[in-house]
């Protein structure tokens, strides 16, 4: 029985959902050192520039910043080293087939603990163009305005 039960979010990549259209998501474990786990338990990480790639039939996560553990010694880890992702063979094969399409990339969406184990949610994504981003922002703004107007009408009881 694990000491921790449930999920605890460490870091999320909000910019990825703005810059990319998410096609499919996968949950992967990570090969970490002890000082990396201790640093993650303090809630310190950044997924901002991170990406995942396939190399020799293995999945790797690169450029994710996990700062050095403050109470660590000379055995501390490098903050932006590449880390091996743990996925089932079938998932790696499925991802590799989809990565063959043009414009598809792998981005990390969130980093979290699930039942005491560090996990990362990676997504197959296609980059958005600038007008797609503006369109999404406009739609979100319009839906918020409609919700506000409906709340005003419901509070007053009259449509005017």
Protein backbone atom coordinates (compact mmCIF):
# COMPACT_ATOMS: atom_id res chain seq x y z
CA UNK A 1 0.00 0.00 0.00
CA UNK A 2 1.53 3.37 -1.02
CA UNK A 3 2.02 6.08 1.57
CA UNK A 4 0.29 8.65 -0.65
CA UNK A 5 -3.08 7.99 -2.23
CA UNK A 6 -4.53 9.99 -5.11
CA UNK A 7 -3.04 12.63 -7.37
CA UNK A 8 -1.04 15.70 -6.38
CA UNK A 9 -0.17 18.21 -9.11
CA UNK A 10 3.41 19.46 -9.23
CA UNK A 11 3.48 21.54 -12.42
CA UNK A 12 1.31 22.11 -15.46
CA UNK A 13 2.04 23.53 -18.89
CA UNK A 14 -0.83 25.95 -19.56
CA UNK A 15 0.99 27.47 -22.51
CA UNK A 16 0.96 24.13 -24.35
CA UNK A 17 -2.84 24.14 -24.56
CA UNK A 18 -2.68 27.64 -26.02
CA UNK A 19 0.08 26.92 -28.54
CA UNK A 20 -0.99 23.42 -29.62
CA UNK A 21 -4.08 21.48 -30.57
CA UNK A 22 -4.03 18.40 -28.33
CA UNK A 23 -4.74 15.21 -30.29
CA UNK A 24 -4.08 12.42 -27.77
CA UNK A 25 -2.67 12.14 -24.23
CA UNK A 26 -0.62 9.45 -22.48
CA UNK A 27 0.48 8.92 -18.88
CA UNK A 28 4.11 7.92 -18.44
CA UNK A 29 6.35 7.15 -15.52
CA UNK A 30 9.83 8.67 -15.30
CA UNK A 31 13.26 7.36 -14.34
CA UNK A 32 14.42 9.82 -11.66
CA UNK A 33 17.21 10.10 -9.14
CA UNK A 34 16.55 10.53 -5.42
CA UNK A 35 17.35 14.23 -5.35
CA UNK A 36 14.93 14.84 -8.27
CA UNK A 37 12.10 13.14 -6.39
CA UNK A 38 12.83 15.19 -3.26
CA UNK A 39 12.84 18.38 -5.29
CA UNK A 40 9.53 17.40 -6.92
CA UNK A 41 8.00 16.68 -3.51
CA UNK A 42 8.76 20.31 -2.63
CA UNK A 43 6.62 21.23 -5.67
CA UNK A 44 9.41 22.73 -7.75
CA UNK A 45 9.45 22.06 -11.50
CA UNK A 46 8.85 23.79 -14.83
CA UNK A 47 7.51 22.18 -18.01
CA UNK A 48 7.64 25.39 -20.05
CA UNK A 49 10.31 24.46 -22.62
CA UNK A 50 10.01 20.69 -22.28
CA UNK A 51 9.42 18.22 -25.07
CA UNK A 52 9.48 14.45 -25.54
CA UNK A 53 11.03 12.47 -28.38
CA UNK A 54 11.61 8.93 -29.56
CA UNK A 55 15.17 7.62 -29.76
CA UNK A 56 16.08 3.99 -30.42
CA UNK A 57 12.68 2.63 -29.43
CA UNK A 58 12.72 4.52 -26.13
CA UNK A 59 10.83 7.65 -25.13
CA UNK A 60 12.79 10.55 -23.59
CA UNK A 61 11.73 13.78 -21.89
CA UNK A 62 14.13 16.67 -22.38
CA UNK A 63 14.47 20.28 -21.24
CA UNK A 64 12.14 19.92 -18.24
CA UNK A 65 13.56 21.98 -15.38
CA UNK A 66 13.65 20.21 -12.02
CA UNK A 67 15.83 22.44 -9.80
CA UNK A 68 18.54 20.97 -7.61
CA UNK A 69 17.47 19.74 -4.19
CA UNK A 70 18.40 22.47 -1.70
CA UNK A 71 19.62 20.07 1.00
CA UNK A 72 21.46 17.87 -1.49
CA UNK A 73 25.17 17.28 -1.55
CA UNK A 74 27.66 16.83 -4.38
CA UNK A 75 25.44 14.01 -5.71
CA UNK A 76 22.74 16.46 -6.85
CA UNK A 77 21.28 16.09 -10.34
CA UNK A 78 21.59 18.36 -13.39
CA UNK A 79 18.41 20.51 -13.56
CA UNK A 80 17.67 20.09 -17.28
CA UNK A 81 18.97 16.59 -18.00
CA UNK A 82 17.06 14.23 -20.28
CA UNK A 83 14.92 11.67 -18.47
CA UNK A 84 13.70 8.32 -19.71
CA UNK A 85 9.93 7.87 -19.88
CA UNK A 86 8.33 4.56 -18.98
CA UNK A 87 5.58 3.52 -21.39
CA UNK A 88 4.23 0.19 -22.62
CA UNK A 89 5.78 -1.06 -25.85
CA UNK A 90 2.43 -0.83 -27.67
CA UNK A 91 2.02 2.81 -26.62
CA UNK A 92 5.52 3.64 -27.92
CA UNK A 93 4.72 1.95 -31.25
CA UNK A 94 1.40 3.81 -31.51
CA UNK A 95 3.09 7.14 -30.74
CA UNK A 96 5.91 6.50 -33.23
CA UNK A 97 3.38 5.87 -36.03
CA UNK A 98 1.56 9.12 -35.24
CA UNK A 99 4.82 11.09 -35.00
CA UNK A 100 5.44 10.19 -38.65
CA UNK A 101 2.76 12.69 -39.69
CA UNK A 102 4.03 16.19 -40.39
CA UNK A 103 3.55 18.86 -37.74
CA UNK A 104 2.98 16.42 -34.87
CA UNK A 105 5.08 16.76 -31.70
CA UNK A 106 5.11 15.45 -28.13
CA UNK A 107 4.68 18.01 -25.34
CA UNK A 108 4.41 17.48 -21.57
CA UNK A 109 1.14 18.81 -20.15
CA UNK A 110 1.42 18.13 -16.43
CA UNK A 111 3.74 16.61 -13.87
CA UNK A 112 2.16 14.98 -10.82
CA UNK A 113 2.40 12.30 -8.16
CA UNK A 114 -0.07 9.44 -8.50
CA UNK A 115 -0.16 7.10 -5.50
CA UNK A 116 3.34 8.25 -4.54
CA UNK A 117 4.93 7.79 -7.98
CA UNK A 118 6.02 10.67 -10.24
CA UNK A 119 4.11 10.70 -13.53
CA UNK A 120 4.06 12.99 -16.54
CA UNK A 121 1.14 13.46 -18.93
CA UNK A 122 2.45 13.83 -22.48
CA UNK A 123 0.35 14.77 -25.47
CA UNK A 124 0.55 14.30 -29.20
CA UNK A 125 -0.05 17.82 -30.44
CA UNK A 126 -0.15 19.88 -33.62
CA UNK A 127 1.00 23.50 -33.48
CA UNK A 128 -1.62 26.21 -33.84
CA UNK A 129 -1.19 29.11 -36.21
CA UNK A 130 -1.53 32.66 -34.92
CA UNK A 131 -5.08 33.14 -36.28
CA UNK A 132 -6.16 29.86 -34.62
CA UNK A 133 -4.97 31.21 -31.26
CA UNK A 134 -6.86 34.47 -31.79
CA UNK A 135 -9.99 32.54 -32.78
CA UNK A 136 -9.82 30.41 -29.61
CA UNK A 137 -9.37 33.51 -27.43
CA UNK A 138 -12.29 35.23 -29.17
CA UNK A 139 -14.55 32.18 -28.63
CA UNK A 140 -13.62 32.00 -24.95
CA UNK A 141 -14.27 35.74 -24.53
CA UNK A 142 -17.65 35.50 -26.29
CA UNK A 143 -18.79 32.56 -24.16
CA UNK A 144 -17.80 34.41 -20.98
CA UNK A 145 -19.79 37.48 -22.11
CA UNK A 146 -22.83 35.29 -22.83
CA UNK A 147 -22.60 33.68 -19.37
CA UNK A 148 -22.36 37.10 -17.72
CA UNK A 149 -25.38 38.38 -19.66
CA UNK A 150 -27.42 35.31 -18.72
CA UNK A 151 -26.45 35.72 -15.06
CA UNK A 152 -27.53 39.39 -15.18
CA UNK A 153 -30.89 38.45 -16.71
CA UNK A 154 -31.47 35.68 -14.18
CA UNK A 155 -30.65 37.97 -11.25
CA UNK A 156 -32.96 40.81 -12.30
CA UNK A 157 -35.72 38.68 -13.70
CA UNK A 158 -36.26 40.92 -16.74
CA UNK A 159 -34.56 40.62 -20.15
CA UNK A 160 -33.79 44.35 -20.57
